[in-house]
């Protein structure tokens, strides 16, 4: 079965794949990719223990900040400390070391990080997958313990919500622009920092799909905020065609290549990677 557990999502849906792994109580890594993204989901005895996506995973520092666990100043201080060439600890470990958060806070944020990433997978309608038996994260990773059944139920519920929100927005290949009202009274508009950050990405040329990739927030939350901004009349569809970029040029060519690189070099990140910590 190990050799056969690979194929196209169009023929074998991700909930079905997850259920097969859970029912077989498999341990290993499921690699999934489409034209834009690659995501790894780790299983131990059929339960989800970790997930990693170089373009999808939310920054752990941002999640802790959004959850009100740390201030912007504390996050900046931790990142500055991490940028020291002699520091090899991950951002989450530094935040705990500095007593800005507790270990429980960090564990809960990582759980949320993994859940959001896996939920986003369930909406994929195309792509390919392969299961790597007994390939597993390094012992350094903080892992979670998620029921496949619960993840599928919550993920499908969110898909229903997302489909409703998508009706508010134009085609995701279309760009958005700020409305004239927004440009004329920016100081009078009361938005959250997250909404201002997202609004700053709206330039009349970037497609919604690209906005979702550029956003520091989970895909679902970004769609929610874009829909809210449009309903409030702050953004609207742009008549200009969206700029096109070569997504494949920045995407890892194969799932197996990413897996090998991840497992081999995960504990020896470059300074640039550490500052932009996307996991823990």
Protein backbone atom coordinates (compact mmCIF):
# COMPACT_ATOMS: atom_id res chain seq x y z
CA UNK A 1 0.00 0.00 0.00
CA UNK A 2 2.92 2.35 0.71
CA UNK A 3 3.92 2.32 -2.96
CA UNK A 4 0.35 2.86 -4.14
CA UNK A 5 -0.56 5.76 -1.83
CA UNK A 6 0.01 8.48 -4.38
CA UNK A 7 -1.99 10.03 -7.18
CA UNK A 8 -4.15 12.96 -8.21
CA UNK A 9 -6.51 14.84 -5.90
CA UNK A 10 -9.06 15.01 -8.72
CA UNK A 11 -9.53 11.24 -8.45
CA UNK A 12 -8.96 10.76 -4.72
CA UNK A 13 -10.07 13.62 -2.44
CA UNK A 14 -7.96 14.76 0.49
CA UNK A 15 -10.58 13.80 3.12
CA UNK A 16 -10.53 10.28 1.64
CA UNK A 17 -6.72 10.22 1.74
CA UNK A 18 -6.68 11.41 5.34
CA UNK A 19 -9.25 8.77 6.31
CA UNK A 20 -7.22 6.03 4.66
CA UNK A 21 -4.10 7.04 6.61
CA UNK A 22 -6.10 7.29 9.85
CA UNK A 23 -7.83 3.92 9.38
CA UNK A 24 -4.48 2.28 8.60
CA UNK A 25 -2.86 4.02 11.59
CA UNK A 26 0.06 4.97 9.39
CA UNK A 27 3.13 6.92 10.48
CA UNK A 28 4.83 9.11 7.92
CA UNK A 29 4.51 12.23 5.80
CA UNK A 30 1.85 13.11 3.27
CA UNK A 31 3.15 15.51 0.65
CA UNK A 32 0.55 17.47 -1.33
CA UNK A 33 1.20 19.96 -4.10
CA UNK A 34 -0.69 21.95 -6.71
CA UNK A 35 0.55 24.53 -9.21
CA UNK A 36 1.24 27.10 -6.48
CA UNK A 37 1.88 25.37 -3.19
CA UNK A 38 3.45 22.41 -1.46
CA UNK A 39 2.35 21.27 1.99
CA UNK A 40 3.59 18.45 4.21
CA UNK A 41 1.30 16.81 6.77
CA UNK A 42 2.84 14.48 9.33
CA UNK A 43 1.02 11.51 10.84
CA UNK A 44 1.80 9.25 13.78
CA UNK A 45 -0.35 6.16 14.19
CA UNK A 46 -2.99 7.74 11.99
CA UNK A 47 -3.22 11.06 13.86
CA UNK A 48 -2.01 14.43 12.57
CA UNK A 49 1.03 15.63 14.50
CA UNK A 50 2.45 18.46 12.40
CA UNK A 51 2.12 20.32 9.08
CA UNK A 52 4.47 22.53 7.14
CA UNK A 53 4.00 24.73 4.08
CA UNK A 54 6.70 27.22 3.09
CA UNK A 55 4.14 29.60 1.59
CA UNK A 56 1.11 28.81 3.73
CA UNK A 57 2.18 28.55 7.34
CA UNK A 58 1.43 31.61 9.49
CA UNK A 59 4.28 33.13 11.46
CA UNK A 60 4.17 31.88 15.04
CA UNK A 61 5.01 35.35 16.30
CA UNK A 62 2.15 36.87 14.35
CA UNK A 63 -0.29 34.29 15.72
CA UNK A 64 0.78 35.01 19.29
CA UNK A 65 0.43 38.72 18.63
CA UNK A 66 -3.02 38.30 17.07
CA UNK A 67 -4.08 36.23 20.08
CA UNK A 68 -2.97 39.02 22.42
CA UNK A 69 -0.21 36.94 24.02
CA UNK A 70 2.67 39.28 23.12
CA UNK A 71 3.05 42.93 22.23
CA UNK A 72 4.57 44.28 19.04
CA UNK A 73 7.59 45.41 21.04
CA UNK A 74 8.14 41.98 22.55
CA UNK A 75 7.93 40.37 19.11
CA UNK A 76 10.44 42.85 17.68
CA UNK A 77 12.79 42.24 20.60
CA UNK A 78 12.64 38.46 20.11
CA UNK A 79 13.25 38.75 16.36
CA UNK A 80 16.19 41.08 16.94
CA UNK A 81 17.66 38.61 19.44
CA UNK A 82 17.14 35.74 17.00
CA UNK A 83 18.95 37.61 14.22
CA UNK A 84 22.20 37.28 16.17
CA UNK A 85 24.41 34.92 14.20
CA UNK A 86 25.23 32.91 17.34
CA UNK A 87 21.56 32.27 18.18
CA UNK A 88 20.18 28.99 16.84
CA UNK A 89 16.94 28.87 18.79
CA UNK A 90 13.63 29.28 17.07
CA UNK A 91 11.42 32.27 17.64
CA UNK A 92 8.95 30.39 19.83
CA UNK A 93 11.74 29.10 22.07
CA UNK A 94 13.12 32.61 22.45
CA UNK A 95 9.72 34.00 23.43
CA UNK A 96 9.42 31.34 26.12
CA UNK A 97 13.01 31.91 27.27
CA UNK A 98 12.33 35.64 27.66
CA UNK A 99 9.12 34.78 29.54
CA UNK A 100 7.02 36.73 27.09
CA UNK A 101 4.81 33.65 26.70
CA UNK A 102 4.41 30.37 28.54
CA UNK A 103 5.11 26.99 27.01
CA UNK A 104 1.36 26.37 27.01
CA UNK A 105 0.84 29.59 25.02
CA UNK A 106 3.40 28.44 22.45
CA UNK A 107 1.94 24.93 22.23
CA UNK A 108 -1.56 26.33 21.66
CA UNK A 109 -0.33 28.71 18.94
CA UNK A 110 1.47 25.87 17.14
CA UNK A 111 -1.70 23.78 17.35
CA UNK A 112 -3.65 26.65 15.79
CA UNK A 113 -0.94 27.05 13.14
CA UNK A 114 -1.15 23.39 12.14
CA UNK A 115 -4.96 23.34 12.18
CA UNK A 116 -5.26 26.39 9.93
CA UNK A 117 -2.83 24.91 7.44
CA UNK A 118 -4.61 21.55 7.28
CA UNK A 119 -8.05 23.21 7.04
CA UNK A 120 -6.85 25.17 4.01
CA UNK A 121 -5.86 21.92 2.30
CA UNK A 122 -9.38 20.50 2.30
CA UNK A 123 -10.54 23.10 -0.22
CA UNK A 124 -8.01 21.98 -2.83
CA UNK A 125 -9.73 20.55 -5.90
CA UNK A 126 -6.63 19.64 -7.89
CA UNK A 127 -3.03 18.66 -7.36
CA UNK A 128 -1.06 15.54 -6.52
CA UNK A 129 -0.15 13.67 -3.35
CA UNK A 130 2.28 11.04 -2.12
CA UNK A 131 2.70 9.36 1.25
CA UNK A 132 6.23 8.80 2.55
CA UNK A 133 6.13 5.94 5.03
CA UNK A 134 8.02 6.51 8.31
CA UNK A 135 9.35 9.93 7.21
CA UNK A 136 8.78 12.18 10.21
CA UNK A 137 9.77 15.63 11.59
CA UNK A 138 12.92 15.92 13.62
CA UNK A 139 12.66 15.43 17.37
CA UNK A 140 13.14 19.17 17.76
CA UNK A 141 9.65 19.92 16.46
CA UNK A 142 6.83 20.68 18.87
CA UNK A 143 4.11 18.33 17.69
CA UNK A 144 0.35 18.23 18.18
CA UNK A 145 -2.15 15.39 18.37
CA UNK A 146 -5.17 15.96 16.12
CA UNK A 147 -7.98 13.60 15.23
CA UNK A 148 -8.37 13.25 11.46
CA UNK A 149 -12.16 13.01 11.83
CA UNK A 150 -12.41 16.27 13.79
CA UNK A 151 -10.10 18.06 11.37
CA UNK A 152 -12.21 16.95 8.39
CA UNK A 153 -15.48 18.03 10.03
CA UNK A 154 -14.15 21.47 10.99
CA UNK A 155 -12.39 21.92 7.66
CA UNK A 156 -15.54 21.16 5.65
CA UNK A 157 -17.57 23.51 7.85
CA UNK A 158 -15.09 26.27 7.06
CA UNK A 159 -15.27 25.50 3.36
CA UNK A 160 -19.01 26.21 3.49
CA UNK A 161 -18.29 29.55 5.17
CA UNK A 162 -15.56 30.39 2.67
CA UNK A 163 -17.83 29.60 -0.29
CA UNK A 164 -20.34 32.07 1.12
CA UNK A 165 -17.66 34.74 1.53
CA UNK A 166 -16.32 34.12 -1.96
CA UNK A 167 -19.69 35.17 -3.38
CA UNK A 168 -18.93 38.65 -2.03
CA UNK A 169 -15.63 38.89 -3.91
CA UNK A 170 -14.96 38.90 -7.66
CA UNK A 171 -13.08 36.09 -9.40
CA UNK A 172 -9.87 35.42 -7.49
CA UNK A 173 -7.82 36.05 -10.64
CA UNK A 174 -9.08 39.66 -10.63
CA UNK A 175 -7.22 42.51 -8.92
CA UNK A 176 -8.73 44.76 -6.26
CA UNK A 177 -8.28 48.49 -5.76
CA UNK A 178 -9.10 50.95 -3.02
CA UNK A 179 -12.33 52.82 -3.63
CA UNK A 180 -12.37 56.57 -4.15
CA UNK A 181 -14.06 56.95 -0.78
CA UNK A 182 -11.17 55.17 0.92
CA UNK A 183 -8.55 57.35 -0.74
CA UNK A 184 -10.42 60.50 0.23
CA UNK A 185 -10.98 59.82 3.92
CA UNK A 186 -8.30 57.41 5.06
CA UNK A 187 -7.78 59.16 8.41
CA UNK A 188 -11.46 58.81 9.28
CA UNK A 189 -11.58 55.05 8.75
CA UNK A 190 -11.27 52.89 11.86
CA UNK A 191 -9.61 49.57 10.99
CA UNK A 192 -7.66 46.98 12.91
CA UNK A 193 -3.88 46.76 12.30
CA UNK A 194 -4.49 43.53 10.38
CA UNK A 195 -7.00 45.25 8.08
CA UNK A 196 -4.64 48.18 7.48
CA UNK A 197 -1.83 45.75 6.62
CA UNK A 198 -4.07 43.97 4.13
CA UNK A 199 -5.37 47.21 2.66
CA UNK A 200 -1.76 48.27 2.05
CA UNK A 201 -1.37 45.29 -0.31
CA UNK A 202 -4.34 46.35 -2.45
CA UNK A 203 -2.89 48.29 -5.40
CA UNK A 204 -5.22 47.74 -8.35
CA UNK A 205 -2.84 45.29 -10.02
CA UNK A 206 -2.42 42.37 -7.62
CA UNK A 207 -4.96 39.57 -7.97
CA UNK A 208 -6.89 38.22 -5.00
CA UNK A 209 -4.98 34.95 -5.32
CA UNK A 210 -1.69 36.84 -5.00
CA UNK A 211 -3.04 38.88 -2.08
CA UNK A 212 -3.80 35.62 -0.29
CA UNK A 213 -0.20 34.51 -0.83
CA UNK A 214 1.30 37.84 0.25
CA UNK A 215 -0.80 38.18 3.37
CA UNK A 216 0.81 37.29 6.71
CA UNK A 217 -2.51 35.89 7.91
CA UNK A 218 -4.17 32.52 7.32
CA UNK A 219 -6.05 32.17 4.04
CA UNK A 220 -9.47 31.98 5.69
CA UNK A 221 -8.91 35.11 7.77
CA UNK A 222 -7.58 36.99 4.74
CA UNK A 223 -10.67 36.11 2.70
CA UNK A 224 -12.89 37.18 5.62
CA UNK A 225 -11.12 40.53 5.87
CA UNK A 226 -11.19 41.15 2.11
CA UNK A 227 -14.92 40.38 2.03
CA UNK A 228 -15.50 42.76 4.96
CA UNK A 229 -13.50 45.54 3.30
CA UNK A 230 -15.47 45.11 0.08
CA UNK A 231 -18.85 45.04 1.87
CA UNK A 232 -17.81 48.24 3.68
CA UNK A 233 -17.12 49.89 0.33
CA UNK A 234 -13.42 50.36 1.01
CA UNK A 235 -12.17 48.19 -1.86
CA UNK A 236 -13.62 47.26 -5.21
CA UNK A 237 -12.72 45.29 -8.33
CA UNK A 238 -10.12 46.91 -10.55
CA UNK A 239 -10.67 47.22 -14.27
CA UNK A 240 -6.96 46.70 -14.94
CA UNK A 241 -5.74 43.17 -15.70
CA UNK A 242 -3.88 41.48 -12.88
CA UNK A 243 -0.10 41.29 -13.02
CA UNK A 244 1.17 37.79 -13.69
CA UNK A 245 4.15 36.27 -11.94
CA UNK A 246 6.09 33.07 -12.39
CA UNK A 247 4.87 31.17 -9.34
CA UNK A 248 6.60 28.00 -10.41
CA UNK A 249 9.96 29.73 -10.35
CA UNK A 250 9.75 30.14 -6.58
CA UNK A 251 8.00 26.86 -5.84
CA UNK A 252 9.99 23.76 -4.97
CA UNK A 253 9.90 21.53 -8.03
CA UNK A 254 8.99 18.29 -6.31
CA UNK A 255 7.41 17.23 -3.06
CA UNK A 256 10.21 14.75 -2.51
CA UNK A 257 12.82 17.50 -2.93
CA UNK A 258 11.15 19.67 -0.31
CA UNK A 259 10.83 16.75 2.06
CA UNK A 260 14.51 15.88 1.77
CA UNK A 261 15.57 19.50 2.24
CA UNK A 262 13.21 19.95 5.19
CA UNK A 263 14.33 16.83 7.02
CA UNK A 264 18.02 17.41 6.30
CA UNK A 265 18.37 21.13 6.96
CA UNK A 266 15.54 21.94 9.36
CA UNK A 267 17.84 22.28 12.33
CA UNK A 268 20.38 24.42 10.50
CA UNK A 269 18.39 27.38 9.21
CA UNK A 270 20.01 30.35 7.60
CA UNK A 271 19.86 33.69 9.33
CA UNK A 272 17.33 34.97 6.80
CA UNK A 273 15.05 32.00 7.39
CA UNK A 274 15.24 32.40 11.15
CA UNK A 275 14.16 36.02 11.11
CA UNK A 276 11.14 35.14 8.98
CA UNK A 277 10.33 32.15 11.20
CA UNK A 278 7.18 30.51 9.95
CA UNK A 279 6.89 27.65 12.40
CA UNK A 280 8.20 27.49 15.94
